[in-house]
N, C-alpha and C. Protein backbone atom coordinates (compact mmCIF):
# COMPACT_ATOMS: atom_id res chain seq x y z
N MET A 1 15.71 -4.82 -15.19
CA MET A 1 15.62 -6.05 -15.96
C MET A 1 16.39 -7.19 -15.29
N ASP A 2 17.38 -6.87 -14.52
CA ASP A 2 18.20 -7.92 -13.94
C ASP A 2 17.67 -8.47 -12.62
N LYS A 3 16.52 -8.03 -12.18
CA LYS A 3 15.97 -8.49 -10.89
C LYS A 3 15.04 -9.69 -11.03
N LYS A 4 14.80 -10.14 -12.25
CA LYS A 4 14.07 -11.38 -12.50
C LYS A 4 12.62 -11.41 -12.00
N ALA A 5 11.90 -10.31 -12.20
CA ALA A 5 10.47 -10.32 -11.87
C ALA A 5 9.76 -11.24 -12.85
N GLY A 6 8.75 -11.93 -12.38
CA GLY A 6 8.01 -12.84 -13.24
C GLY A 6 6.62 -12.33 -13.55
N ALA A 7 6.00 -12.93 -14.56
CA ALA A 7 4.61 -12.65 -14.95
C ALA A 7 4.33 -11.15 -15.07
N VAL A 8 5.19 -10.46 -15.80
CA VAL A 8 5.04 -9.01 -15.97
C VAL A 8 3.90 -8.74 -16.96
N GLU A 9 2.98 -7.89 -16.55
CA GLU A 9 1.87 -7.46 -17.40
C GLU A 9 1.72 -5.96 -17.31
N ILE A 10 1.47 -5.34 -18.45
CA ILE A 10 1.15 -3.92 -18.51
C ILE A 10 -0.29 -3.83 -18.99
N ILE A 11 -1.14 -3.25 -18.15
CA ILE A 11 -2.57 -3.19 -18.44
C ILE A 11 -2.97 -1.74 -18.68
N ASP A 12 -3.59 -1.50 -19.82
CA ASP A 12 -4.05 -0.17 -20.20
C ASP A 12 -5.42 0.08 -19.57
N VAL A 13 -5.47 0.97 -18.59
CA VAL A 13 -6.73 1.31 -17.93
C VAL A 13 -7.14 2.75 -18.24
N THR A 14 -6.59 3.31 -19.32
CA THR A 14 -6.91 4.67 -19.72
C THR A 14 -8.41 4.84 -19.88
N GLY A 15 -8.98 5.83 -19.20
CA GLY A 15 -10.41 6.10 -19.28
C GLY A 15 -11.28 5.18 -18.44
N LYS A 16 -10.70 4.17 -17.83
CA LYS A 16 -11.47 3.23 -17.01
C LYS A 16 -11.38 3.57 -15.52
N VAL A 17 -10.30 4.21 -15.12
CA VAL A 17 -10.09 4.65 -13.74
C VAL A 17 -9.55 6.07 -13.77
N ASP A 18 -9.69 6.77 -12.66
CA ASP A 18 -9.22 8.15 -12.64
C ASP A 18 -7.85 8.32 -11.98
N TYR A 19 -7.24 7.22 -11.53
CA TYR A 19 -5.97 7.34 -10.80
C TYR A 19 -4.75 6.95 -11.63
N ALA A 20 -4.92 6.39 -12.83
CA ALA A 20 -3.77 5.99 -13.63
C ALA A 20 -4.22 5.67 -15.06
N ASP A 21 -3.26 5.62 -15.96
CA ASP A 21 -3.50 5.18 -17.33
C ASP A 21 -3.05 3.73 -17.53
N TYR A 22 -2.03 3.34 -16.76
CA TYR A 22 -1.47 1.99 -16.90
C TYR A 22 -1.20 1.38 -15.54
N LEU A 23 -1.44 0.09 -15.44
CA LEU A 23 -1.05 -0.69 -14.27
C LEU A 23 0.03 -1.66 -14.74
N VAL A 24 1.09 -1.75 -13.99
CA VAL A 24 2.15 -2.71 -14.28
C VAL A 24 2.17 -3.71 -13.13
N LEU A 25 1.95 -4.97 -13.46
CA LEU A 25 1.91 -6.03 -12.46
C LEU A 25 3.12 -6.94 -12.66
N MET A 26 3.73 -7.34 -11.56
CA MET A 26 4.85 -8.29 -11.63
C MET A 26 4.94 -9.04 -10.33
N THR A 27 5.63 -10.18 -10.37
CA THR A 27 5.69 -11.06 -9.22
C THR A 27 7.13 -11.38 -8.86
N GLY A 28 7.38 -11.37 -7.54
CA GLY A 28 8.67 -11.81 -7.01
C GLY A 28 8.51 -13.17 -6.36
N GLN A 29 9.61 -13.86 -6.16
CA GLN A 29 9.58 -15.22 -5.64
C GLN A 29 9.47 -15.28 -4.12
N SER A 30 9.78 -14.19 -3.45
CA SER A 30 9.71 -14.13 -1.98
C SER A 30 9.47 -12.67 -1.59
N ASP A 31 9.17 -12.44 -0.32
CA ASP A 31 8.95 -11.07 0.13
C ASP A 31 10.21 -10.22 -0.06
N ARG A 32 11.35 -10.81 0.20
CA ARG A 32 12.62 -10.10 0.00
C ARG A 32 12.84 -9.76 -1.48
N HIS A 33 12.51 -10.71 -2.36
CA HIS A 33 12.62 -10.48 -3.80
C HIS A 33 11.67 -9.37 -4.25
N VAL A 34 10.44 -9.38 -3.73
CA VAL A 34 9.47 -8.33 -4.04
C VAL A 34 10.02 -6.96 -3.67
N ALA A 35 10.57 -6.84 -2.47
CA ALA A 35 11.13 -5.56 -2.02
C ALA A 35 12.31 -5.14 -2.89
N THR A 36 13.15 -6.07 -3.28
CA THR A 36 14.30 -5.77 -4.14
C THR A 36 13.84 -5.28 -5.50
N ILE A 37 12.85 -5.95 -6.10
CA ILE A 37 12.31 -5.52 -7.39
C ILE A 37 11.72 -4.12 -7.28
N ALA A 38 10.92 -3.88 -6.25
CA ALA A 38 10.27 -2.58 -6.07
C ALA A 38 11.31 -1.46 -5.95
N ARG A 39 12.33 -1.68 -5.15
CA ARG A 39 13.39 -0.67 -4.99
C ARG A 39 14.10 -0.42 -6.32
N ALA A 40 14.35 -1.49 -7.07
CA ALA A 40 15.03 -1.35 -8.37
C ALA A 40 14.18 -0.56 -9.36
N VAL A 41 12.87 -0.82 -9.38
CA VAL A 41 11.97 -0.07 -10.27
C VAL A 41 11.99 1.41 -9.89
N ASP A 42 11.86 1.71 -8.61
CA ASP A 42 11.87 3.09 -8.15
C ASP A 42 13.19 3.79 -8.49
N GLU A 43 14.30 3.12 -8.24
CA GLU A 43 15.61 3.71 -8.53
C GLU A 43 15.81 3.94 -10.02
N ALA A 44 15.44 2.98 -10.85
CA ALA A 44 15.62 3.11 -12.29
C ALA A 44 14.78 4.26 -12.86
N LEU A 45 13.53 4.34 -12.43
CA LEU A 45 12.67 5.41 -12.94
C LEU A 45 13.09 6.77 -12.39
N SER A 46 13.58 6.81 -11.16
CA SER A 46 14.08 8.07 -10.59
C SER A 46 15.28 8.58 -11.39
N ARG A 47 16.17 7.67 -11.78
CA ARG A 47 17.32 8.06 -12.61
C ARG A 47 16.87 8.65 -13.94
N ASP A 48 15.73 8.16 -14.46
CA ASP A 48 15.20 8.66 -15.72
C ASP A 48 14.31 9.88 -15.55
N GLY A 49 14.18 10.39 -14.31
CA GLY A 49 13.42 11.59 -14.05
C GLY A 49 11.98 11.39 -13.64
N SER A 50 11.54 10.15 -13.48
CA SER A 50 10.18 9.87 -13.03
C SER A 50 10.23 9.49 -11.56
N HIS A 51 9.70 10.35 -10.73
CA HIS A 51 9.78 10.13 -9.28
C HIS A 51 8.42 9.68 -8.75
N ALA A 52 8.43 8.66 -7.94
CA ALA A 52 7.21 8.14 -7.34
C ALA A 52 6.63 9.16 -6.37
N ILE A 53 5.30 9.30 -6.39
CA ILE A 53 4.66 10.18 -5.41
C ILE A 53 4.32 9.41 -4.15
N SER A 54 4.32 8.06 -4.24
CA SER A 54 4.01 7.24 -3.09
C SER A 54 4.54 5.83 -3.30
N ILE A 55 5.05 5.25 -2.23
CA ILE A 55 5.45 3.84 -2.23
C ILE A 55 4.85 3.22 -0.98
N GLU A 56 4.06 2.18 -1.16
CA GLU A 56 3.42 1.51 -0.03
C GLU A 56 3.79 0.03 -0.03
N GLY A 57 3.98 -0.54 1.14
CA GLY A 57 4.21 -1.96 1.27
C GLY A 57 5.63 -2.35 1.62
N LEU A 58 6.53 -1.38 1.66
CA LEU A 58 7.91 -1.67 2.09
C LEU A 58 8.02 -1.40 3.56
N PRO A 59 8.80 -2.10 4.30
CA PRO A 59 9.71 -3.16 3.89
C PRO A 59 9.08 -4.54 3.88
N ARG A 60 7.81 -4.65 4.22
CA ARG A 60 7.17 -5.96 4.37
C ARG A 60 7.29 -6.83 3.12
N GLY A 61 6.93 -6.30 1.97
CA GLY A 61 7.21 -6.99 0.72
C GLY A 61 6.23 -8.02 0.23
N HIS A 62 5.00 -8.07 0.77
CA HIS A 62 4.00 -8.98 0.20
C HIS A 62 3.42 -8.39 -1.08
N TRP A 63 3.20 -7.07 -1.02
CA TRP A 63 2.64 -6.33 -2.16
C TRP A 63 3.14 -4.91 -2.02
N VAL A 64 3.94 -4.48 -2.98
CA VAL A 64 4.45 -3.12 -2.98
C VAL A 64 3.79 -2.37 -4.13
N LEU A 65 3.21 -1.23 -3.82
CA LEU A 65 2.58 -0.37 -4.81
C LEU A 65 3.43 0.88 -4.95
N ILE A 66 3.80 1.20 -6.19
CA ILE A 66 4.59 2.40 -6.47
C ILE A 66 3.77 3.26 -7.42
N ASP A 67 3.43 4.47 -6.97
CA ASP A 67 2.57 5.36 -7.75
C ASP A 67 3.41 6.41 -8.46
N PHE A 68 3.43 6.32 -9.80
CA PHE A 68 4.12 7.29 -10.64
C PHE A 68 3.11 8.20 -11.35
N VAL A 69 1.96 8.40 -10.78
CA VAL A 69 0.83 9.21 -11.25
C VAL A 69 0.10 8.51 -12.39
N ASP A 70 0.61 8.54 -13.61
CA ASP A 70 -0.08 7.91 -14.75
C ASP A 70 0.16 6.40 -14.81
N VAL A 71 1.18 5.95 -14.10
CA VAL A 71 1.51 4.52 -14.07
C VAL A 71 1.60 4.09 -12.62
N VAL A 72 0.90 3.01 -12.30
CA VAL A 72 0.97 2.45 -10.95
C VAL A 72 1.57 1.05 -11.08
N VAL A 73 2.67 0.83 -10.39
CA VAL A 73 3.38 -0.44 -10.44
C VAL A 73 3.01 -1.25 -9.20
N HIS A 74 2.63 -2.51 -9.42
CA HIS A 74 2.31 -3.43 -8.33
C HIS A 74 3.32 -4.57 -8.40
N VAL A 75 4.05 -4.77 -7.31
CA VAL A 75 4.98 -5.90 -7.22
C VAL A 75 4.47 -6.80 -6.10
N PHE A 76 4.11 -8.02 -6.45
CA PHE A 76 3.49 -8.95 -5.53
C PHE A 76 4.38 -10.16 -5.26
N ASN A 77 4.14 -10.82 -4.12
CA ASN A 77 4.60 -12.20 -4.02
C ASN A 77 3.49 -13.04 -4.65
N GLU A 78 3.76 -14.30 -4.97
CA GLU A 78 2.79 -15.12 -5.72
C GLU A 78 1.46 -15.28 -5.00
N GLU A 79 1.49 -15.53 -3.72
CA GLU A 79 0.27 -15.75 -2.95
C GLU A 79 -0.62 -14.50 -2.94
N THR A 80 -0.03 -13.35 -2.73
CA THR A 80 -0.79 -12.10 -2.67
C THR A 80 -1.35 -11.74 -4.04
N ARG A 81 -0.57 -11.97 -5.09
CA ARG A 81 -1.08 -11.68 -6.44
C ARG A 81 -2.29 -12.55 -6.75
N ALA A 82 -2.23 -13.82 -6.38
CA ALA A 82 -3.37 -14.72 -6.61
C ALA A 82 -4.58 -14.30 -5.78
N LEU A 83 -4.35 -13.88 -4.55
CA LEU A 83 -5.44 -13.49 -3.66
C LEU A 83 -6.21 -12.28 -4.20
N TYR A 84 -5.50 -11.24 -4.62
CA TYR A 84 -6.16 -10.01 -5.08
C TYR A 84 -6.54 -10.06 -6.56
N ASP A 85 -5.91 -10.90 -7.33
CA ASP A 85 -6.27 -11.18 -8.73
C ASP A 85 -6.58 -9.92 -9.56
N LEU A 86 -5.67 -8.97 -9.55
CA LEU A 86 -5.86 -7.79 -10.40
C LEU A 86 -5.86 -8.17 -11.87
N ASP A 87 -5.14 -9.23 -12.22
CA ASP A 87 -5.16 -9.72 -13.61
C ASP A 87 -6.59 -10.07 -14.02
N GLY A 88 -7.30 -10.77 -13.15
CA GLY A 88 -8.68 -11.16 -13.43
C GLY A 88 -9.63 -9.98 -13.40
N LEU A 89 -9.40 -9.06 -12.46
CA LEU A 89 -10.25 -7.87 -12.37
C LEU A 89 -10.21 -7.07 -13.67
N TRP A 90 -9.04 -7.01 -14.29
CA TRP A 90 -8.86 -6.24 -15.52
C TRP A 90 -8.72 -7.15 -16.74
N MET A 91 -9.33 -8.33 -16.72
CA MET A 91 -9.13 -9.27 -17.81
C MET A 91 -9.64 -8.76 -19.16
N ASP A 92 -10.58 -7.82 -19.15
CA ASP A 92 -11.10 -7.27 -20.41
C ASP A 92 -10.30 -6.06 -20.89
N ALA A 93 -9.37 -5.56 -20.08
CA ALA A 93 -8.58 -4.40 -20.47
C ALA A 93 -7.46 -4.83 -21.41
N ARG A 94 -7.06 -3.91 -22.27
CA ARG A 94 -6.00 -4.19 -23.24
C ARG A 94 -4.67 -4.37 -22.53
N ARG A 95 -3.91 -5.37 -22.95
CA ARG A 95 -2.55 -5.61 -22.46
C ARG A 95 -1.58 -4.94 -23.43
N VAL A 96 -0.61 -4.27 -22.89
CA VAL A 96 0.43 -3.64 -23.70
C VAL A 96 1.56 -4.66 -23.83
N PRO A 97 1.93 -5.00 -25.06
CA PRO A 97 3.00 -5.99 -25.21
C PRO A 97 4.32 -5.46 -24.66
N LEU A 98 5.06 -6.36 -24.04
CA LEU A 98 6.39 -6.00 -23.57
C LEU A 98 7.27 -5.79 -24.79
N GLY A 99 8.28 -4.93 -24.67
CA GLY A 99 9.18 -4.65 -25.79
C GLY A 99 9.85 -5.90 -26.31
N ALA A 100 10.29 -5.85 -27.55
CA ALA A 100 10.92 -7.01 -28.21
C ALA A 100 12.14 -7.51 -27.44
N SER A 101 12.82 -6.62 -26.73
CA SER A 101 14.02 -7.04 -26.00
C SER A 101 13.68 -7.57 -24.61
N GLN A 102 12.39 -7.51 -24.22
CA GLN A 102 11.99 -7.98 -22.91
C GLN A 102 11.37 -9.37 -23.04
N SER A 103 11.43 -10.12 -21.97
CA SER A 103 10.81 -11.44 -21.96
C SER A 103 9.89 -11.53 -20.76
N GLU A 104 9.66 -12.71 -20.25
CA GLU A 104 8.82 -12.91 -19.08
C GLU A 104 9.38 -12.24 -17.85
N SER A 105 10.68 -11.96 -17.82
CA SER A 105 11.30 -11.39 -16.62
C SER A 105 11.72 -9.96 -16.84
N VAL A 106 11.68 -9.19 -15.75
CA VAL A 106 12.16 -7.81 -15.75
C VAL A 106 13.28 -7.72 -14.75
């Protein structure tokens, strides 16, 4: 939560794809910020017992994909997120509201 990711979205893709139930999208302000957010997500979930089976895109940091099997986390820089537009690709999928204690940033 303290890494200040922006535009966080949780997209429910249950039954729509065979590789995950949820996609989590978030944006960093720079490639370095993207890498920092991705490492923090991986470390936090590892501490809670959820270990990634794959991490792609580090250390470059334009787009980091972290695969937790049922949940796939995408951390983008702004330009790359706009280019691939996963938000638009899944615009008809249900969005999971962020918790009451969460805001625009993670």
